[in-house]
């Protein structure tokens, strides 16, 4: 799980978001590169990040939890199918 505090700290350390470190932290490499090239989309994107970064961290964490749940349910379904096939034989 990613931390909102770390994301905001990276925003602050990267010259108030101009270098996009917060996007690299959240796995958005393409967006991070755009932030570096355009200096945070000329500062406007960095300002918007100030207000939306917490939600972005929440979205990242939710997506990771859903992936974990899906993986666990697929593993359980595979195990059940395997057990059913073994029982038939």
N, C-alpha and C. Protein backbone atom coordinates (compact mmCIF):
# COMPACT_ATOMS: atom_id res chain seq x y z
N UNK A 1 0.84 -1.19 0.00
CA UNK A 1 0.00 0.00 0.00
C UNK A 1 0.88 1.24 0.00
N UNK A 2 0.45 2.19 -0.78
CA UNK A 2 1.17 3.46 -0.86
C UNK A 2 0.63 4.42 0.19
N UNK A 3 1.49 5.33 0.62
CA UNK A 3 1.14 6.27 1.67
C UNK A 3 0.88 7.66 1.07
N UNK A 4 -0.18 8.31 1.57
CA UNK A 4 -0.47 9.67 1.14
C UNK A 4 0.65 10.61 1.59
N UNK A 5 1.16 10.38 2.79
CA UNK A 5 2.24 11.22 3.31
C UNK A 5 3.47 11.17 2.43
N UNK A 6 3.84 9.97 1.99
CA UNK A 6 5.00 9.83 1.12
C UNK A 6 4.74 10.50 -0.22
N UNK A 7 3.53 10.34 -0.76
CA UNK A 7 3.19 10.97 -2.04
C UNK A 7 3.30 12.49 -1.95
N UNK A 8 2.76 13.05 -0.88
CA UNK A 8 2.83 14.51 -0.72
C UNK A 8 4.27 14.98 -0.44
N UNK A 9 5.04 14.17 0.26
CA UNK A 9 6.44 14.51 0.49
C UNK A 9 7.20 14.53 -0.83
N UNK A 10 6.95 13.54 -1.68
CA UNK A 10 7.59 13.53 -3.00
C UNK A 10 7.14 14.71 -3.84
N UNK A 11 5.87 15.09 -3.72
CA UNK A 11 5.37 16.28 -4.41
C UNK A 11 6.15 17.51 -3.97
N UNK A 12 6.36 17.62 -2.67
CA UNK A 12 7.07 18.78 -2.12
C UNK A 12 8.54 18.77 -2.52
N UNK A 13 9.19 17.61 -2.43
CA UNK A 13 10.61 17.50 -2.73
C UNK A 13 10.89 17.76 -4.21
N UNK A 14 9.92 17.42 -5.07
CA UNK A 14 10.14 17.61 -6.51
C UNK A 14 9.73 19.01 -6.95
N UNK A 15 10.12 19.99 -6.14
CA UNK A 15 9.85 21.40 -6.42
C UNK A 15 8.36 21.65 -6.62
N UNK A 16 7.59 21.26 -5.60
CA UNK A 16 6.13 21.42 -5.59
C UNK A 16 5.48 20.71 -6.76
N UNK A 17 6.00 19.51 -7.05
CA UNK A 17 5.40 18.66 -8.07
C UNK A 17 5.88 18.86 -9.48
N UNK A 18 6.74 19.82 -9.71
CA UNK A 18 7.18 20.13 -11.07
C UNK A 18 7.94 18.98 -11.71
N UNK A 19 8.63 18.17 -10.92
CA UNK A 19 9.41 17.07 -11.48
C UNK A 19 8.65 15.75 -11.49
N UNK A 20 7.47 15.70 -10.92
CA UNK A 20 6.58 14.55 -11.03
C UNK A 20 6.97 13.31 -10.27
N UNK A 21 7.79 13.42 -9.23
CA UNK A 21 8.20 12.24 -8.47
C UNK A 21 7.00 11.48 -7.93
N UNK A 22 5.93 12.21 -7.58
CA UNK A 22 4.73 11.58 -7.02
C UNK A 22 4.09 10.63 -8.03
N UNK A 23 4.20 10.92 -9.30
CA UNK A 23 3.61 10.05 -10.32
C UNK A 23 4.43 8.77 -10.50
N UNK A 24 5.74 8.90 -10.42
CA UNK A 24 6.58 7.70 -10.48
C UNK A 24 6.28 6.80 -9.29
N UNK A 25 6.06 7.39 -8.13
CA UNK A 25 5.74 6.64 -6.91
C UNK A 25 4.46 5.83 -7.08
N UNK A 26 3.49 6.38 -7.80
CA UNK A 26 2.22 5.70 -8.01
C UNK A 26 2.22 4.82 -9.26
N UNK A 27 3.38 4.65 -9.89
CA UNK A 27 3.50 3.76 -11.03
C UNK A 27 3.07 4.37 -12.35
N UNK A 28 2.89 5.67 -12.39
CA UNK A 28 2.48 6.35 -13.62
C UNK A 28 3.72 6.97 -14.28
N UNK A 29 4.52 6.10 -14.87
CA UNK A 29 5.81 6.53 -15.42
C UNK A 29 5.63 7.52 -16.57
N UNK A 30 4.70 7.26 -17.45
CA UNK A 30 4.46 8.16 -18.58
C UNK A 30 4.08 9.56 -18.11
N UNK A 31 3.19 9.61 -17.15
CA UNK A 31 2.76 10.91 -16.61
C UNK A 31 3.93 11.60 -15.90
N UNK A 32 4.76 10.82 -15.22
CA UNK A 32 5.93 11.40 -14.56
C UNK A 32 6.90 12.01 -15.57
N UNK A 33 7.10 11.33 -16.69
CA UNK A 33 7.99 11.86 -17.73
C UNK A 33 7.43 13.15 -18.32
N UNK A 34 6.11 13.17 -18.55
CA UNK A 34 5.47 14.40 -19.06
C UNK A 34 5.66 15.54 -18.07
N UNK A 35 5.54 15.23 -16.77
CA UNK A 35 5.72 16.27 -15.74
C UNK A 35 7.15 16.82 -15.77
N UNK A 36 8.13 15.93 -15.97
CA UNK A 36 9.52 16.39 -16.02
C UNK A 36 9.75 17.28 -17.23
N UNK A 37 9.26 16.85 -18.39
CA UNK A 37 9.49 17.60 -19.63
C UNK A 37 8.80 18.96 -19.62
N UNK A 38 7.60 19.01 -19.07
CA UNK A 38 6.80 20.25 -19.10
C UNK A 38 6.81 21.02 -17.79
N UNK A 39 7.66 20.58 -16.85
CA UNK A 39 7.71 21.20 -15.52
C UNK A 39 6.32 21.24 -14.88
N UNK A 40 5.73 20.05 -14.77
CA UNK A 40 4.42 19.94 -14.12
C UNK A 40 3.32 20.57 -14.93
N UNK A 41 3.38 20.38 -16.25
CA UNK A 41 2.43 20.99 -17.18
C UNK A 41 2.35 22.49 -16.88
N UNK A 42 3.52 23.08 -16.90
CA UNK A 42 3.70 24.52 -16.71
C UNK A 42 3.18 25.00 -15.36
N UNK A 43 3.22 24.11 -14.38
CA UNK A 43 2.83 24.46 -13.02
C UNK A 43 1.36 24.22 -12.72
N UNK A 44 0.52 24.22 -13.74
CA UNK A 44 -0.91 24.01 -13.50
C UNK A 44 -1.20 22.59 -13.03
N UNK A 45 -0.55 21.62 -13.66
CA UNK A 45 -0.74 20.22 -13.27
C UNK A 45 -0.26 19.96 -11.85
N UNK A 46 0.83 20.61 -11.49
CA UNK A 46 1.36 20.45 -10.13
C UNK A 46 0.40 21.03 -9.09
N UNK A 47 -0.21 22.13 -9.43
CA UNK A 47 -1.19 22.74 -8.52
C UNK A 47 -2.41 21.84 -8.38
N UNK A 48 -2.87 21.27 -9.49
CA UNK A 48 -4.00 20.34 -9.44
C UNK A 48 -3.64 19.11 -8.61
N UNK A 49 -2.40 18.63 -8.76
CA UNK A 49 -1.95 17.47 -7.98
C UNK A 49 -2.06 17.72 -6.49
N UNK A 50 -1.84 18.94 -6.07
CA UNK A 50 -1.93 19.28 -4.66
C UNK A 50 -3.28 18.87 -4.08
N UNK A 51 -4.33 19.01 -4.87
CA UNK A 51 -5.68 18.73 -4.40
C UNK A 51 -6.17 17.32 -4.74
N UNK A 52 -5.55 16.67 -5.73
CA UNK A 52 -6.04 15.36 -6.18
C UNK A 52 -5.13 14.19 -5.82
N UNK A 53 -3.97 14.48 -5.25
CA UNK A 53 -3.00 13.42 -4.98
C UNK A 53 -3.50 12.40 -3.96
N UNK A 54 -4.21 12.84 -2.96
CA UNK A 54 -4.76 11.92 -1.97
C UNK A 54 -5.72 10.91 -2.60
N UNK A 55 -6.57 11.38 -3.49
CA UNK A 55 -7.49 10.49 -4.20
C UNK A 55 -6.76 9.53 -5.12
N UNK A 56 -5.67 10.00 -5.74
CA UNK A 56 -4.88 9.14 -6.62
C UNK A 56 -4.24 8.00 -5.82
N UNK A 57 -3.78 8.30 -4.62
CA UNK A 57 -3.20 7.27 -3.77
C UNK A 57 -4.29 6.27 -3.36
N UNK A 58 -5.47 6.76 -3.02
CA UNK A 58 -6.59 5.87 -2.67
C UNK A 58 -6.95 4.96 -3.84
N UNK A 59 -6.99 5.52 -5.05
CA UNK A 59 -7.30 4.73 -6.24
C UNK A 59 -6.24 3.65 -6.47
N UNK A 60 -4.99 4.01 -6.31
CA UNK A 60 -3.90 3.05 -6.48
C UNK A 60 -4.05 1.90 -5.49
N UNK A 61 -4.28 2.24 -4.23
CA UNK A 61 -4.41 1.20 -3.20
C UNK A 61 -5.63 0.32 -3.44
N UNK A 62 -6.74 0.90 -3.87
CA UNK A 62 -7.94 0.12 -4.16
C UNK A 62 -7.68 -0.85 -5.31
N UNK A 63 -7.03 -0.37 -6.37
CA UNK A 63 -6.72 -1.25 -7.51
C UNK A 63 -5.82 -2.40 -7.09
N UNK A 64 -4.84 -2.12 -6.24
CA UNK A 64 -3.95 -3.19 -5.78
C UNK A 64 -4.70 -4.22 -4.95
N UNK A 65 -5.61 -3.76 -4.09
CA UNK A 65 -6.40 -4.68 -3.28
C UNK A 65 -7.32 -5.53 -4.16
N UNK A 66 -7.92 -4.93 -5.18
CA UNK A 66 -8.78 -5.68 -6.09
C UNK A 66 -7.98 -6.74 -6.85
N UNK A 67 -6.77 -6.41 -7.26
CA UNK A 67 -5.92 -7.40 -7.93
C UNK A 67 -5.61 -8.56 -7.01
N UNK A 68 -5.35 -8.27 -5.75
CA UNK A 68 -5.08 -9.32 -4.77
C UNK A 68 -6.30 -10.21 -4.58
N UNK A 69 -7.48 -9.60 -4.48
CA UNK A 69 -8.71 -10.37 -4.30
C UNK A 69 -8.98 -11.24 -5.53
N UNK A 70 -8.79 -10.66 -6.72
CA UNK A 70 -9.02 -11.44 -7.95
C UNK A 70 -8.06 -12.61 -8.04
N UNK A 71 -6.80 -12.38 -7.70
CA UNK A 71 -5.81 -13.45 -7.75
C UNK A 71 -6.17 -14.56 -6.77
N UNK A 72 -6.58 -14.18 -5.57
CA UNK A 72 -6.95 -15.18 -4.56
C UNK A 72 -8.19 -15.96 -5.00
N UNK A 73 -9.17 -15.28 -5.57
CA UNK A 73 -10.39 -15.97 -5.99
C UNK A 73 -10.12 -16.88 -7.18
N UNK A 74 -9.23 -16.46 -8.09
CA UNK A 74 -8.87 -17.32 -9.22
C UNK A 74 -8.12 -18.56 -8.73
N UNK A 75 -7.24 -18.38 -7.75
CA UNK A 75 -6.51 -19.52 -7.19
C UNK A 75 -7.47 -20.49 -6.50
N UNK A 76 -8.45 -19.95 -5.79
CA UNK A 76 -9.43 -20.80 -5.12
C UNK A 76 -10.29 -21.54 -6.13
N UNK A 77 -10.68 -20.87 -7.20
CA UNK A 77 -11.50 -21.50 -8.24
C UNK A 77 -10.71 -22.59 -8.95
N UNK A 78 -9.44 -22.33 -9.22
CA UNK A 78 -8.59 -23.33 -9.85
C UNK A 78 -8.41 -24.54 -8.95
N UNK A 79 -8.21 -24.30 -7.67
CA UNK A 79 -8.06 -25.40 -6.72
C UNK A 79 -9.34 -26.22 -6.62
N UNK A 80 -10.49 -25.55 -6.62
CA UNK A 80 -11.76 -26.26 -6.55
C UNK A 80 -11.99 -27.08 -7.81
N UNK A 81 -11.67 -26.52 -8.96
CA UNK A 81 -11.82 -27.25 -10.22
C UNK A 81 -10.89 -28.44 -10.26
N UNK A 82 -9.69 -28.26 -9.78
CA UNK A 82 -8.73 -29.35 -9.74
C UNK A 82 -9.19 -30.46 -8.80
N UNK A 83 -9.73 -30.07 -7.67
CA UNK A 83 -10.24 -31.05 -6.70
C UNK A 83 -11.43 -31.80 -7.27
N UNK A 84 -12.30 -31.10 -7.99
CA UNK A 84 -13.45 -31.75 -8.59
C UNK A 84 -13.04 -32.73 -9.67
N UNK A 85 -12.03 -32.37 -10.46
CA UNK A 85 -11.53 -33.25 -11.52
C UNK A 85 -10.88 -34.49 -10.91
N UNK A 86 -10.12 -34.29 -9.85
CA UNK A 86 -9.45 -35.41 -9.16
C UNK A 86 -10.47 -36.33 -8.53
N UNK A 87 -11.55 -35.77 -8.01
CA UNK A 87 -12.59 -36.58 -7.34
C UNK A 87 -13.32 -37.45 -8.36
N UNK A 88 -13.51 -36.96 -9.58
CA UNK A 88 -14.19 -37.72 -10.61
C UNK A 88 -13.37 -38.94 -11.04
N UNK A 89 -12.05 -38.79 -11.04
CA UNK A 89 -11.18 -39.88 -11.48
C UNK A 89 -11.12 -40.90 -10.43
